[in-house]
Amino acid sequence: MPDHLTTAAGRKIAYHRRQGSAPGVVFLGGFKSDMEGTKAVHLDEWTRRTGRAFLRFDYSGHGQSSGEFTEGAIGDWAEDAMAAVSELTEGPQVLVGSSMGGWISLLLARAMPDRIAGLVTIAAAPDFTEDSMWAGFDAEQRRALADAGQVALPSEYGEPYIITRRLIEDGRNHLVLRSPLNLPFPVRLLQGTADRDVEMSVALRLLEHAQGDDMRLTLVSGADHRFSDPDCLALIVASVEDVIARAGRG
């Protein structure tokens, strides 16, 4: 059973925390994902074997945390992540952000840079509510969003995604690719070439936009958005190890 953190906003965030060596590792999951996914559990097992501190959690409206998914937005989930890092970890952390978690991790890097030792993103999806969802809506979908306050999008992962007007509008207040983005720590961006949810162009745009002295992008031929086969999982761990090693030289 997970533990729970009640945030200043009154949301109950479910989490699993492992004590260990510093810097700790924090996993930030994707849109409508949870902390029981393959990547999060694999990192948990790796940190158990190596004695590394580790934190995984569910945003509000996700997994075992409180709230409804359709009530949430990027700002809420970023607040949840900041509360988790602030209250459940000590010292600088290596963030591992998957898909939407990549966007959330960039918001954390901007808001609390002193708590970030390094960053690994997996199919990062910064600004996706604007550049993917809103940009991809046709006139009828935009009208439904304005009139009904929501629109349903098909998903390969189960039930349709209900996209709310608040999600789109709130996303515009948290865009990271329209203004300077300083990442003054080791950064490793991982991206599959067969990802149908986040195109390679997003990873390239992030690499070109962000400012930092130690940033690398690795493209994996044939890897899809899940990025969860044995080779991809091994690459995630190797990237985290690389970031930890290079952060220790600073």
Protein backbone atom coordinates (compact mmCIF):
# COMPACT_ATOMS: atom_id res chain seq x y z
CA MET A 1 0.00 0.00 0.00
CA PRO A 2 1.29 3.48 -0.79
CA ASP A 3 1.75 6.29 1.69
CA HIS A 4 -0.07 9.57 1.13
CA LEU A 5 0.98 13.21 1.24
CA THR A 6 -1.68 15.90 1.67
CA THR A 7 -0.60 19.00 -0.25
CA ALA A 8 -1.29 22.63 0.62
CA ALA A 9 -4.10 22.50 -1.96
CA GLY A 10 -5.72 19.62 -0.06
CA ARG A 11 -4.94 16.92 -2.63
CA LYS A 12 -3.87 13.48 -1.33
CA ILE A 13 -0.88 12.24 -3.31
CA ALA A 14 -0.10 8.52 -3.18
CA TYR A 15 3.59 7.66 -3.21
CA HIS A 16 6.25 5.02 -2.64
CA ARG A 17 9.54 6.24 -1.20
CA ARG A 18 12.81 4.41 -0.81
CA GLN A 19 15.55 5.75 1.45
CA GLY A 20 19.09 5.56 0.12
CA SER A 21 22.12 7.37 -1.20
CA ALA A 22 22.11 10.82 -2.76
CA PRO A 23 21.30 12.24 -5.16
CA GLY A 24 17.91 10.60 -5.07
CA VAL A 25 15.89 9.76 -8.18
CA VAL A 26 12.30 10.93 -8.72
CA PHE A 27 10.07 9.41 -11.41
CA LEU A 28 7.41 11.63 -12.99
CA GLY A 29 4.83 9.70 -14.99
CA GLY A 30 2.85 10.53 -18.06
CA PHE A 31 -0.63 11.73 -18.94
CA LYS A 32 -3.22 9.41 -17.32
CA SER A 33 -0.41 7.06 -16.29
CA ASP A 34 0.57 6.00 -12.78
CA MET A 35 3.48 4.95 -10.61
CA GLU A 36 2.87 1.23 -11.21
CA GLY A 37 3.99 1.43 -14.85
CA THR A 38 6.88 -0.61 -16.23
CA LYS A 39 9.44 2.21 -16.22
CA ALA A 40 8.64 3.37 -12.68
CA VAL A 41 8.75 -0.16 -11.25
CA HIS A 42 11.98 -0.95 -13.13
CA LEU A 43 13.65 2.13 -11.63
CA ASP A 44 12.32 1.16 -8.20
CA GLU A 45 13.96 -2.26 -8.53
CA TRP A 46 17.21 -0.71 -9.75
CA THR A 47 17.35 1.68 -6.80
CA ARG A 48 16.57 -1.17 -4.41
CA ARG A 49 19.54 -3.14 -5.74
CA THR A 50 21.91 -0.17 -5.73
CA GLY A 51 20.83 1.53 -2.51
CA ARG A 52 19.79 4.75 -4.23
CA ALA A 53 17.02 6.96 -2.78
CA PHE A 54 13.91 6.86 -4.97
CA LEU A 55 10.46 8.41 -5.11
CA ARG A 56 7.52 7.59 -7.38
CA PHE A 57 4.05 9.05 -6.98
CA ASP A 58 0.69 9.58 -8.65
CA TYR A 59 -0.47 13.06 -9.63
CA SER A 60 -3.94 13.98 -8.38
CA GLY A 61 -6.60 12.33 -10.52
CA HIS A 62 -4.12 9.60 -11.43
CA GLY A 63 -3.62 6.12 -10.00
CA GLN A 64 -4.18 5.95 -6.24
CA SER A 65 -4.20 9.70 -5.54
CA SER A 66 -7.33 11.72 -4.79
CA GLY A 67 -9.44 13.58 -7.32
CA GLU A 68 -10.87 12.97 -10.76
CA PHE A 69 -8.62 13.00 -13.82
CA THR A 70 -10.91 15.41 -15.68
CA GLU A 71 -10.65 17.94 -12.82
CA GLY A 72 -6.89 18.30 -13.20
CA ALA A 73 -4.55 20.33 -15.39
CA ILE A 74 -0.83 20.82 -15.96
CA GLY A 75 -0.53 23.44 -13.22
CA ASP A 76 -2.16 21.14 -10.66
CA TRP A 77 0.08 18.23 -11.54
CA ALA A 78 3.18 20.42 -11.46
CA GLU A 79 2.12 21.61 -7.99
CA ASP A 80 1.73 17.98 -6.91
CA ALA A 81 5.22 17.19 -8.18
CA MET A 82 6.76 20.22 -6.47
CA ALA A 83 5.08 19.27 -3.19
CA ALA A 84 6.35 15.70 -3.50
CA VAL A 85 9.93 16.77 -4.20
CA SER A 86 9.86 19.47 -1.51
CA GLU A 87 8.38 17.35 1.27
CA LEU A 88 9.43 13.79 0.47
CA THR A 89 13.04 14.19 -0.67
CA GLU A 90 16.21 15.80 0.67
CA GLY A 91 18.76 17.69 -1.37
CA PRO A 92 19.09 17.83 -5.15
CA GLN A 93 17.30 15.09 -7.11
CA VAL A 94 17.66 13.49 -10.52
CA LEU A 95 14.28 13.77 -12.23
CA VAL A 96 13.16 11.10 -14.69
CA GLY A 97 10.21 12.50 -16.64
CA SER A 98 8.20 10.31 -19.00
CA SER A 99 6.04 11.96 -21.70
CA MET A 100 3.95 14.57 -19.81
CA GLY A 101 6.32 13.95 -16.90
CA GLY A 102 9.03 15.43 -19.12
CA TRP A 103 7.04 18.66 -19.29
CA ILE A 104 6.41 18.56 -15.54
CA SER A 105 10.12 18.01 -14.88
CA LEU A 106 10.98 21.08 -16.96
CA LEU A 107 8.52 23.13 -14.92
CA LEU A 108 10.24 21.88 -11.75
CA ALA A 109 13.63 22.77 -13.20
CA ARG A 110 12.36 26.29 -13.80
CA ALA A 111 10.65 26.67 -10.41
CA MET A 112 13.15 24.97 -8.07
CA PRO A 113 16.53 24.66 -9.84
CA ASP A 114 18.41 24.31 -6.57
CA ARG A 115 16.63 20.98 -5.97
CA ILE A 116 17.54 19.49 -9.36
CA ALA A 117 20.82 17.56 -9.78
CA GLY A 118 20.05 16.35 -13.28
CA LEU A 119 17.32 15.36 -15.70
CA VAL A 120 16.45 12.36 -17.85
CA THR A 121 13.42 12.66 -20.11
CA ILE A 122 11.73 9.81 -21.97
CA ALA A 123 9.64 10.88 -24.98
CA ALA A 124 9.22 14.28 -23.32
CA ALA A 125 6.04 16.09 -24.33
CA PRO A 126 6.49 19.76 -23.36
CA ASP A 127 3.61 22.06 -24.34
CA PHE A 128 1.60 19.12 -25.76
CA THR A 129 -1.78 20.58 -24.80
CA GLU A 130 -1.09 23.48 -27.17
CA ASP A 131 1.17 22.05 -29.87
CA SER A 132 -0.39 18.60 -30.20
CA MET A 133 -3.94 18.72 -28.84
CA TRP A 134 -5.16 22.24 -29.62
CA ALA A 135 -3.20 22.48 -32.85
CA GLY A 136 -4.69 19.15 -33.96
CA PHE A 137 -8.32 19.95 -33.16
CA ASP A 138 -10.62 20.63 -36.11
CA ALA A 139 -13.27 23.35 -36.04
CA GLU A 140 -15.93 20.98 -34.66
CA GLN A 141 -13.70 19.84 -31.81
CA ARG A 142 -12.75 23.41 -30.92
CA ARG A 143 -16.42 24.34 -30.91
CA ALA A 144 -17.27 21.38 -28.65
CA LEU A 145 -14.50 22.42 -26.27
CA ALA A 146 -15.90 25.96 -26.12
CA ASP A 147 -19.56 24.94 -25.83
CA ALA A 148 -19.47 21.71 -23.82
CA GLY A 149 -16.19 22.32 -22.02
CA GLN A 150 -14.69 19.03 -23.16
CA VAL A 151 -13.95 16.78 -26.11
CA ALA A 152 -13.18 13.04 -26.29
CA LEU A 153 -10.02 11.85 -28.05
CA PRO A 154 -9.45 8.18 -28.97
CA SER A 155 -6.61 6.44 -27.15
CA GLU A 156 -4.55 3.36 -27.98
CA TYR A 157 -4.28 2.70 -24.25
CA GLY A 158 -7.96 2.08 -23.40
CA GLU A 159 -10.87 4.46 -22.88
CA PRO A 160 -10.96 7.76 -24.81
CA TYR A 161 -9.19 10.70 -23.24
CA ILE A 162 -11.60 13.39 -22.06
CA ILE A 163 -9.85 16.67 -22.81
CA THR A 164 -11.27 19.64 -20.91
CA ARG A 165 -11.24 23.29 -21.79
CA ARG A 166 -9.47 23.94 -18.49
CA LEU A 167 -6.67 21.54 -19.45
CA ILE A 168 -6.04 23.48 -22.67
CA GLU A 169 -6.35 26.93 -21.12
CA ASP A 170 -4.24 26.06 -18.07
CA GLY A 171 -1.61 24.51 -20.31
CA ARG A 172 -1.10 27.91 -21.94
CA ASN A 173 -0.01 29.30 -18.58
CA HIS A 174 2.75 26.69 -18.25
CA LEU A 175 4.39 26.52 -21.68
CA VAL A 176 8.17 26.03 -21.58
CA LEU A 177 9.20 26.27 -25.25
CA ARG A 178 8.20 29.93 -25.72
CA SER A 179 10.60 31.55 -23.25
CA PRO A 180 14.18 30.92 -22.09
CA LEU A 181 14.66 27.51 -20.48
CA ASN A 182 17.88 27.18 -18.52
CA LEU A 183 18.96 23.65 -17.58
CA PRO A 184 22.28 24.11 -15.73
CA PHE A 185 22.81 20.41 -14.92
CA PRO A 186 23.32 17.15 -16.86
CA VAL A 187 20.37 16.45 -19.16
CA ARG A 188 19.70 13.28 -21.18
CA LEU A 189 16.80 13.27 -23.62
CA LEU A 190 15.63 9.82 -24.81
CA GLN A 191 13.30 9.44 -27.80
CA GLY A 192 12.07 6.55 -29.92
CA THR A 193 11.92 6.93 -33.71
CA ALA A 194 8.66 4.91 -33.90
CA ASP A 195 6.84 7.04 -31.31
CA ARG A 196 3.39 7.89 -32.70
CA ASP A 197 2.39 10.06 -29.73
CA VAL A 198 5.41 12.37 -29.53
CA GLU A 199 7.28 13.04 -32.77
CA MET A 200 11.07 13.24 -32.92
CA SER A 201 10.72 16.90 -33.85
CA VAL A 202 9.60 17.63 -30.28
CA ALA A 203 12.83 16.21 -28.85
CA LEU A 204 14.90 18.16 -31.38
CA ARG A 205 13.01 21.35 -30.61
CA LEU A 206 13.60 20.88 -26.88
CA LEU A 207 17.31 20.22 -27.43
CA GLU A 208 17.65 23.34 -29.57
CA HIS A 209 15.54 25.54 -27.28
CA ALA A 210 16.95 24.69 -23.86
CA GLN A 211 20.17 26.24 -22.60
CA GLY A 212 22.72 24.06 -20.85
CA ASP A 213 26.33 22.91 -21.04
CA ASP A 214 25.66 19.17 -20.72
CA MET A 215 22.67 18.11 -22.84
CA ARG A 216 22.47 15.04 -25.07
CA LEU A 217 19.67 13.56 -27.16
CA THR A 218 19.61 9.80 -27.85
CA LEU A 219 17.32 8.50 -30.61
CA VAL A 220 16.42 4.81 -30.43
CA SER A 221 15.51 3.28 -33.78
CA GLY A 222 12.17 1.48 -33.68
CA ALA A 223 11.28 2.37 -30.08
CA ASP A 224 7.67 3.42 -29.51
CA HIS A 225 6.11 5.76 -26.96
CA ARG A 226 6.06 3.16 -24.21
CA PHE A 227 9.88 2.94 -24.33
CA SER A 228 9.63 -0.13 -22.10
CA ASP A 229 11.34 -3.07 -23.80
CA PRO A 230 14.47 -4.45 -22.08
CA ASP A 231 16.88 -2.39 -24.19
CA CYS A 232 14.97 0.84 -23.53
CA LEU A 233 14.77 0.13 -19.80
CA ALA A 234 18.52 -0.52 -19.72
CA LEU A 235 19.13 2.76 -21.56
CA ILE A 236 17.01 4.65 -19.02
CA VAL A 237 19.07 3.25 -16.15
CA ALA A 238 22.35 3.93 -17.96
CA SER A 239 21.25 7.52 -18.59
CA VAL A 240 20.37 8.02 -14.93
CA GLU A 241 23.74 6.57 -13.91
CA ASP A 242 25.49 8.90 -16.35
CA VAL A 243 23.64 11.94 -14.99
CA ILE A 244 24.44 10.95 -11.40
CA ALA A 245 28.13 10.49 -12.24
CA ARG A 246 28.39 13.81 -14.05
CA ALA A 247 26.38 15.68 -11.40
CA GLY A 248 28.90 14.45 -8.84
CA ARG A 249 31.72 16.22 -10.69
CA GLY A 250 30.06 19.62 -10.36
